[in-house]
Amino acid sequence: MDNRADVREFLMTRRAKISPEQAGLAAGTNRRVDGLRRSEVAGLAGVSVEYYAKLERGAIGGASAAVLDAVAKALQLGDTERGHLFDLARAADGIPASGRPRRRSSKAAATRPSLHWALSAITDGIAFVRNSQQDIVAVNELGRAFYSPIIGDGGRTPNLARFQFLDPAAHDFYPEWELFAEMCVGIMRSEAGRDPHDRGLQDLVGELSTRSELFRTLWAAHDVRTHGTGTKHFHHPVVGDVSLAYEELLVTAEPGHVMMVYTAEPGSPSAERLRLLASWARTEHEAPQNIRADISEPG
């Protein structure tokens, strides 16, 4: 990935989103664009126009934390966007993965017994671990049943981004498909900013850019996000519509890996449908056993 191009396009797209009125400036006349001018961002950040223009050309290496913070405030960046800007600057300075060691292969996380034990201990919710390339590398029993449209019959490692953009079944599984697509790309953009040397992520972006016009459009928007917590709506082929709250937990033993846990509000229709799905999974015990074996070793 081209760090200078990413910096340039990120700053330009953020600047285009802020109107003079939002920044507390008079719009004036003869404006060719709706967003802020470079000179206006420079003034708000307290730097020279020449220096800000240099940053926006992608030459962000060596920029101080104070300057980056001032630019972030001038562009009214959210916490995730601000973090992304700092990640891009660290990458330009040659500091990998936000100062952490380079990420290791997902193989260790997928085969570590204790991780599978932890997932198996979650019996009333859906739990899985994904890596920075959106691969599902470990999953609990209810998660295997819930994500059966993605996991399928095994073989290739299940990948959330490929399913989102390349599998027609995603439109049924995700009733809010376009929103999920935006979230998926925003998360991938954040991951790319944290570690631009992630070859697996580079290959995935190249594949999806070639095969999906929507992915190309969303990737070019340079929007970033973190998952954190929230609620999602799904349509499962076995139990129908479910609304689930989710929590994202970092797997600190494996940089770049996160554990996602989905649960339903106690006593809700969605909770009852998860119980029905768990019952269905038990009757299909042999197939989930095969799926578990397939995804334990990424390939």
Protein backbone atom coordinates (compact mmCIF):
# COMPACT_ATOMS: atom_id res chain seq x y z
CA MET A 1 0.00 0.00 0.00
CA ASP A 2 1.23 3.51 -0.86
CA ASN A 3 1.53 5.45 2.40
CA ARG A 4 1.92 8.84 0.72
CA ALA A 5 -1.16 8.27 -1.43
CA ASP A 6 -3.15 7.09 1.59
CA VAL A 7 -2.17 10.18 3.58
CA ARG A 8 -2.96 12.52 0.69
CA GLU A 9 -6.36 11.01 -0.03
CA PHE A 10 -7.32 10.68 3.62
CA LEU A 11 -6.60 14.35 4.35
CA MET A 12 -8.28 15.52 1.15
CA THR A 13 -11.43 13.51 1.78
CA ARG A 14 -11.63 14.71 5.39
CA ARG A 15 -11.15 18.34 4.30
CA ALA A 16 -13.92 17.97 1.73
CA LYS A 17 -16.35 16.88 4.45
CA ILE A 18 -16.01 20.03 6.58
CA SER A 19 -17.86 23.13 5.43
CA PRO A 20 -16.67 26.63 6.41
CA GLU A 21 -19.82 27.02 8.54
CA GLN A 22 -19.00 23.83 10.46
CA ALA A 23 -15.50 25.17 11.07
CA GLY A 24 -16.81 28.53 12.26
CA LEU A 25 -15.59 30.39 9.18
CA ALA A 26 -17.33 32.68 6.74
CA ALA A 27 -17.98 30.85 3.47
CA GLY A 28 -17.33 33.89 1.28
CA THR A 29 -17.79 33.78 -2.48
CA ASN A 30 -16.17 32.14 -5.47
CA ARG A 31 -15.68 28.81 -3.73
CA ARG A 32 -15.04 25.95 -6.14
CA VAL A 33 -15.57 23.23 -3.53
CA ASP A 34 -17.94 22.75 -0.62
CA GLY A 35 -15.24 21.79 1.86
CA LEU A 36 -12.45 23.78 3.43
CA ARG A 37 -9.54 25.23 1.49
CA ARG A 38 -6.01 24.16 2.39
CA SER A 39 -5.32 27.65 3.65
CA GLU A 40 -8.31 27.44 5.99
CA VAL A 41 -7.19 24.12 7.45
CA ALA A 42 -3.68 25.53 7.89
CA GLY A 43 -5.04 28.57 9.71
CA LEU A 44 -7.21 26.46 12.00
CA ALA A 45 -4.28 24.14 12.75
CA GLY A 46 -1.83 26.97 13.36
CA VAL A 47 0.66 25.92 10.68
CA SER A 48 1.77 27.57 7.47
CA VAL A 49 -0.09 26.95 4.25
CA GLU A 50 3.10 25.56 2.74
CA TYR A 51 3.57 23.08 5.57
CA TYR A 52 -0.02 21.87 5.47
CA ALA A 53 0.19 21.51 1.67
CA LYS A 54 3.29 19.37 2.22
CA LEU A 55 1.35 17.14 4.63
CA GLU A 56 -1.52 16.82 2.20
CA ARG A 57 0.88 15.77 -0.54
CA GLY A 58 1.62 12.79 1.70
CA ALA A 59 4.90 13.95 3.23
CA ILE A 60 3.77 13.28 6.79
CA GLY A 61 6.95 11.62 8.03
CA GLY A 62 8.49 13.51 10.92
CA ALA A 63 5.34 15.47 11.76
CA SER A 64 5.11 16.01 15.51
CA ALA A 65 2.26 14.72 17.64
CA ALA A 66 1.29 18.33 18.36
CA VAL A 67 0.96 19.14 14.65
CA LEU A 68 -0.99 15.97 13.94
CA ASP A 69 -3.31 16.71 16.83
CA ALA A 70 -3.84 20.28 15.59
CA VAL A 71 -4.66 19.02 12.09
CA ALA A 72 -7.05 16.44 13.55
CA LYS A 73 -8.86 19.16 15.49
CA ALA A 74 -9.00 21.46 12.46
CA LEU A 75 -10.56 18.67 10.39
CA GLN A 76 -12.86 17.68 13.29
CA LEU A 77 -11.71 14.07 13.13
CA GLY A 78 -13.40 11.52 15.33
CA ASP A 79 -11.38 9.29 17.63
CA THR A 80 -11.02 6.52 15.03
CA GLU A 81 -10.06 8.99 12.28
CA ARG A 82 -7.53 10.69 14.57
CA GLY A 83 -6.01 7.32 15.43
CA HIS A 84 -5.83 6.48 11.73
CA LEU A 85 -3.97 9.72 11.00
CA PHE A 86 -1.42 8.92 13.72
CA ASP A 87 -1.08 5.36 12.37
CA LEU A 88 -0.36 6.71 8.89
CA ALA A 89 2.28 9.03 10.37
CA ARG A 90 3.91 6.16 12.29
CA ALA A 91 3.99 4.08 9.13
CA ALA A 92 5.67 6.96 7.28
CA ASP A 93 8.27 7.10 10.04
CA GLY A 94 8.90 3.37 9.67
CA ILE A 95 7.29 2.38 12.98
CA PRO A 96 5.27 -0.81 12.36
CA ALA A 97 1.79 -1.48 13.70
CA SER A 98 1.48 1.57 15.94
CA GLY A 99 4.79 0.87 17.63
CA ARG A 100 4.09 -2.81 18.25
CA PRO A 101 6.08 -5.67 16.71
CA ARG A 102 4.96 -6.76 13.28
CA ARG A 103 2.00 -9.09 13.38
CA ARG A 104 2.57 -12.78 13.40
CA SER A 105 0.77 -15.39 11.35
CA SER A 106 -2.80 -16.23 12.37
CA LYS A 107 -1.76 -19.90 12.63
CA ALA A 108 -0.83 -19.61 16.32
CA ALA A 109 -4.21 -18.18 17.32
CA ALA A 110 -6.13 -20.74 15.28
CA THR A 111 -4.39 -23.73 16.82
CA ARG A 112 -3.96 -22.59 20.44
CA PRO A 113 -6.17 -24.90 22.55
CA SER A 114 -6.79 -22.34 25.28
CA LEU A 115 -8.40 -19.97 22.79
CA HIS A 116 -10.81 -22.67 21.64
CA TRP A 117 -11.57 -23.52 25.28
CA ALA A 118 -12.41 -19.88 25.97
CA LEU A 119 -14.72 -19.72 22.96
CA SER A 120 -16.40 -23.02 23.89
CA ALA A 121 -17.12 -21.65 27.36
CA ILE A 122 -19.46 -19.10 25.76
CA THR A 123 -22.58 -21.22 25.29
CA ASP A 124 -25.46 -18.72 25.05
CA GLY A 125 -23.80 -16.36 22.60
CA ILE A 126 -22.01 -16.36 19.27
CA ALA A 127 -18.26 -15.96 19.60
CA PHE A 128 -15.47 -16.03 17.06
CA VAL A 129 -11.97 -14.69 16.51
CA ARG A 130 -10.99 -12.91 13.31
CA ASN A 131 -7.63 -11.65 12.15
CA SER A 132 -6.74 -8.39 10.40
CA GLN A 133 -7.54 -9.93 7.02
CA GLN A 134 -11.14 -10.63 8.13
CA ASP A 135 -10.54 -14.40 8.30
CA ILE A 136 -12.55 -16.32 10.90
CA VAL A 137 -9.79 -18.34 12.55
CA ALA A 138 -11.70 -19.80 15.53
CA VAL A 139 -15.39 -20.04 16.46
CA ASN A 140 -17.63 -21.57 19.12
CA GLU A 141 -20.40 -24.09 18.47
CA LEU A 142 -23.25 -21.59 18.27
CA GLY A 143 -21.08 -19.36 16.09
CA ARG A 144 -20.52 -22.21 13.63
CA ALA A 145 -24.27 -22.67 13.34
CA PHE A 146 -24.96 -18.95 13.07
CA TYR A 147 -22.26 -18.28 10.49
CA SER A 148 -23.01 -21.42 8.47
CA PRO A 149 -23.75 -19.28 5.36
CA ILE A 150 -20.16 -17.97 5.56
CA ILE A 151 -18.39 -21.10 6.79
CA GLY A 152 -20.19 -23.39 4.37
CA ASP A 153 -18.87 -26.92 4.06
CA GLY A 154 -15.30 -26.04 4.87
CA GLY A 155 -12.30 -25.78 2.58
CA ARG A 156 -11.12 -22.21 2.12
CA THR A 157 -10.78 -20.20 5.32
CA PRO A 158 -14.05 -18.31 5.95
CA ASN A 159 -13.54 -14.63 5.22
CA LEU A 160 -16.05 -11.97 6.24
CA ALA A 161 -15.03 -9.48 3.54
CA ARG A 162 -15.17 -11.97 0.69
CA PHE A 163 -18.59 -13.11 1.86
CA GLN A 164 -19.78 -9.51 2.13
CA PHE A 165 -18.76 -8.45 -1.37
CA LEU A 166 -18.56 -11.61 -3.45
CA ASP A 167 -21.30 -13.96 -2.19
CA PRO A 168 -24.93 -13.20 -3.17
CA ALA A 169 -26.06 -14.94 0.04
CA ALA A 170 -24.72 -11.94 1.99
CA HIS A 171 -27.66 -9.84 0.80
CA ASP A 172 -30.05 -12.21 2.57
CA PHE A 173 -27.90 -12.74 5.67
CA TYR A 174 -27.36 -8.99 6.18
CA PRO A 175 -30.68 -7.13 5.81
CA GLU A 176 -28.70 -3.87 6.10
CA TRP A 177 -26.22 -5.03 3.50
CA GLU A 178 -24.95 -1.61 2.38
CA LEU A 179 -24.37 -0.53 5.99
CA PHE A 180 -22.45 -3.75 6.66
CA ALA A 181 -20.38 -3.13 3.52
CA GLU A 182 -19.41 0.34 4.74
CA MET A 183 -18.51 -1.02 8.17
CA CYS A 184 -16.43 -3.81 6.69
CA VAL A 185 -14.37 -1.47 4.51
CA GLY A 186 -13.97 1.08 7.31
CA ILE A 187 -12.53 -1.60 9.58
CA MET A 188 -10.19 -2.79 6.83
CA ARG A 189 -9.02 0.79 6.22
CA SER A 190 -8.20 1.14 9.92
CA GLU A 191 -6.28 -2.15 9.85
CA ALA A 192 -4.33 -1.02 6.77
CA GLY A 193 -3.37 2.20 8.51
CA ARG A 194 -2.10 0.32 11.55
CA ASP A 195 0.02 -2.07 9.51
CA PRO A 196 0.54 -1.11 5.84
CA HIS A 197 2.97 -4.03 5.50
CA ASP A 198 0.26 -6.64 6.12
CA ARG A 199 0.68 -8.63 2.90
CA GLY A 200 -2.46 -10.70 3.45
CA LEU A 201 -4.57 -7.57 3.77
CA GLN A 202 -2.93 -6.05 0.71
CA ASP A 203 -3.78 -9.14 -1.31
CA LEU A 204 -7.38 -9.10 -0.06
CA VAL A 205 -7.82 -5.42 -0.96
CA GLY A 206 -6.43 -6.11 -4.43
CA GLU A 207 -8.76 -9.06 -4.95
CA LEU A 208 -11.87 -7.22 -3.81
CA SER A 209 -10.95 -4.08 -5.75
CA THR A 210 -10.76 -6.18 -8.91
CA ARG A 211 -14.01 -8.05 -8.34
CA SER A 212 -16.34 -5.52 -6.66
CA GLU A 213 -17.13 -2.03 -7.92
CA LEU A 214 -18.76 -1.11 -4.60
CA PHE A 215 -15.66 -2.16 -2.70
CA ARG A 216 -13.51 0.06 -4.94
CA THR A 217 -15.84 2.99 -4.31
CA LEU A 218 -15.89 2.52 -0.54
CA TRP A 219 -12.15 1.96 -0.34
CA ALA A 220 -11.54 5.21 -2.23
CA ALA A 221 -13.66 7.11 0.33
CA HIS A 222 -10.98 6.50 3.02
CA ASP A 223 -13.58 6.23 5.79
CA VAL A 224 -12.34 4.41 8.88
CA ARG A 225 -14.05 2.86 11.87
CA THR A 226 -13.56 0.61 14.85
CA HIS A 227 -16.16 -1.95 15.82
CA GLY A 228 -16.30 -1.60 19.60
CA THR A 229 -19.91 -2.24 20.50
CA GLY A 230 -23.38 -1.88 19.03
CA THR A 231 -26.33 -3.79 17.62
CA LYS A 232 -26.65 -5.63 14.32
CA HIS A 233 -29.58 -7.20 12.51
CA PHE A 234 -29.31 -10.52 10.67
CA HIS A 235 -31.56 -12.87 8.75
CA HIS A 236 -30.51 -16.45 9.41
CA PRO A 237 -31.68 -19.12 6.94
CA VAL A 238 -32.78 -21.42 9.79
CA VAL A 239 -34.31 -19.15 12.45
CA GLY A 240 -35.04 -15.92 10.58
CA ASP A 241 -34.56 -12.36 11.84
CA VAL A 242 -32.40 -11.73 14.91
CA SER A 243 -31.10 -8.55 16.52
CA LEU A 244 -27.87 -9.02 18.45
CA ALA A 245 -25.68 -6.79 20.60
CA TYR A 246 -21.97 -7.17 19.99
CA GLU A 247 -18.77 -6.52 21.92
CA GLU A 248 -15.30 -6.50 20.35
CA LEU A 249 -12.42 -7.71 22.54
CA LEU A 250 -8.74 -7.54 21.61
CA VAL A 251 -6.81 -10.81 21.73
CA THR A 252 -3.63 -9.33 23.18
CA ALA A 253 -1.63 -12.55 22.71
CA GLU A 254 -2.10 -12.19 18.95
CA PRO A 255 -1.76 -8.58 17.69
CA GLY A 256 -4.34 -7.85 15.02
CA HIS A 257 -6.81 -10.45 16.29
CA VAL A 258 -10.13 -9.62 17.92
CA MET A 259 -12.83 -11.71 19.54
CA MET A 260 -16.40 -10.83 18.63
CA VAL A 261 -19.20 -11.85 20.99
CA TYR A 262 -22.85 -11.51 19.92
CA THR A 263 -25.65 -11.89 22.46
CA ALA A 264 -29.40 -11.33 22.44
CA GLU A 265 -31.37 -9.35 25.01
CA PRO A 266 -32.63 -11.82 27.63
CA GLY A 267 -36.26 -12.75 27.08
CA SER A 268 -36.40 -11.22 23.61
CA PRO A 269 -37.59 -13.00 20.43
CA SER A 270 -33.97 -12.99 19.26
CA ALA A 271 -32.89 -14.83 22.41
CA GLU A 272 -35.51 -17.48 21.75
CA ARG A 273 -34.31 -17.81 18.15
CA LEU A 274 -30.74 -18.29 19.32
CA ARG A 275 -31.95 -21.10 21.59
CA LEU A 276 -33.71 -22.66 18.62
CA LEU A 277 -30.53 -22.33 16.57
CA ALA A 278 -28.52 -24.01 19.32
CA SER A 279 -31.02 -26.87 19.33
CA TRP A 280 -30.77 -27.13 15.55
CA ALA A 281 -26.96 -27.17 15.79
CA ARG A 282 -27.06 -30.09 18.19
CA THR A 283 -29.13 -32.08 15.71
CA GLU A 284 -26.56 -31.23 13.05
CA HIS A 285 -23.67 -32.16 15.32
CA GLU A 286 -21.66 -34.11 12.80
CA ALA A 287 -21.52 -31.29 10.25
CA PRO A 288 -20.34 -28.62 12.73
CA GLN A 289 -17.62 -31.04 13.89
CA ASN A 290 -16.33 -31.21 10.32
CA ILE A 291 -16.54 -27.42 9.98
CA ARG A 292 -14.55 -26.95 13.18
CA ALA A 293 -11.78 -29.18 11.85
CA ASP A 294 -11.74 -27.26 8.58
CA ILE A 295 -11.33 -23.80 10.05
CA SER A 296 -8.88 -24.72 12.79
CA GLU A 297 -6.06 -24.57 10.24
CA PRO A 298 -6.25 -21.44 8.03
CA GLY A 299 -5.64 -22.25 4.40
